[in-house]
Every structure is written in structure tokens, then in C-alpha cells.
Amino acid sequence: MKFRSSSLVFFLVLSFSSIAQNCPPPEAELFFARAMKEINPNHAGWVKNTASDIGSGKTSADNLSQATAGYGRQFNLGNMDIEALMMFVMMQVSKEAENEFREQLEQMKKANEQKKKLREAITKLKQQRKEQREMLRAEYDSLKRLGGPMTVRANNNMVVANPKKVTQQEIDDLKESLMDRLDSMNEVSEMTSLRLQMIMDRRSKMISTLTNLMKKIGQAQDNIVQNLK
């Protein structure tokens, strides 16, 4: 099933709404920003590296609790300190996911604009072919640029285009090239939408968990930061 523009518009609206509604608590944001500046650089580095591994798929988020506990034992950290480190990783993952999410959405919007131009060009070429009308070379070249590089062939031989007149064969080949380009972009849009959905789901779960951790940490923030220095 092709990823239609109406589906994309709905997905974009839903995505932006999801970002706005699923945000870390303000107190968690403040604690994270302060702690990452004040704690031992080695701990801060571990947080960033672990978050990066989760984002890239090298490490599963499901193993975060075990990985954090193992790291904390190396430094004889208490349970509250370990849970704080786990929360920091989740905050970092959430921030990186949001940045990636917004970048992907922006790319999808640009791709949708390109696909709209392709569909319009294909419709124009079909109408041109149906009416057997001649096309100006400048107009043909303009449409051709939408599809990127294209090798035009007829009867397995390279077509040498007349510099002035556009042949019906060229119009047919260009239409097929633009349709291939559109199909390819639709497939990419489908894969991107699935990836964005995965990012949203993972981010939502992490925000829920870090919210609960923040409640447990409560007023112990100063002690935690001190222990992690």
C-alpha cells in the first residue's frame, strides 16, 4: 500500500501532537541539565555513550537497568545513584530521539513536496501523450530534472534526442522514469513512518519510566549529584 499525502499529513499532525504531550517533567529536565554539568565527566560520558548505543540499536533499552547496575557497582554507587544514572540515560535518549524525530519529519515534508511535483508532472505527461501534442524541449528538460539522472532507450538502442523536438518515445520514457521515482519515494516514506513510530513508542515508554524514577529521587537530588562527582 502506497503512503499517500493525506496519510502523511495526518501522521505529521499526530506526531507533533505526540511530541507536545509526551515530554519529561520540568523537574526532571532541570535535574538532568544540572547533573550533567556537575557530575564526574566519566559518568556523564557513560550516560551519553549508553544513550547513543540505545538510539542506534547497539544496546536494547530493556537491558538498561542491568547495564546501569553493572556500571554503578564498579564505583560502589548506591541504589538511588544508580537509578539517577538510569534516569539520565533515559533523558539523553529522549532528547536525541526528539531531535532525530524532528529532522525526519522535516525530511518527510520536503519529500512530500517533491512527490506532489512528480505526480503533477506524470499527469501532465499522460495528458500530453493522450492528446499527441508536441512538447517544448525546455519544458521536457524541466520535468526530466524532477526524476534525476535518466537513460532513455528505445529498441535497446540509445536515443539521440533532437535538440528541438521532443518525441513521443521520450515522453513515454520520462513518464515511466518519474513513476519509478515516485514509487521509490513512497517506499522510503513508508519505512520512515515506521521508524518514526518506533521512536515515538520508545520515547513514550522511557518518559513514563523516568517520571516514576524522578518521583523516587524526590528531594535527594543534591546528595545524588554529590555522590556522582
Foldseek 3Di string as FASTA:
>chain_A
DFCDPVNLVVLLVVLVVLVVVQDFDPVLVVLLVVLLVQFDVVLNVVLLVVLVCCLVVVDPLVCLLVVLVVVCVVVPDDPLLSLNSSLSSLNNNLVVLVVVLVVLSVVLVVLNVLLVLLVVLLVVLVVCLVVVHWDFPVVLVVLLVSLPDDFQDDPNDGDDDDNGTDDNSSSVRSSVSSVVSSRVSRVVSVVSSVVSVVSSVSSNVSSVVSNVSCVVCDPVSVVSSVSRD
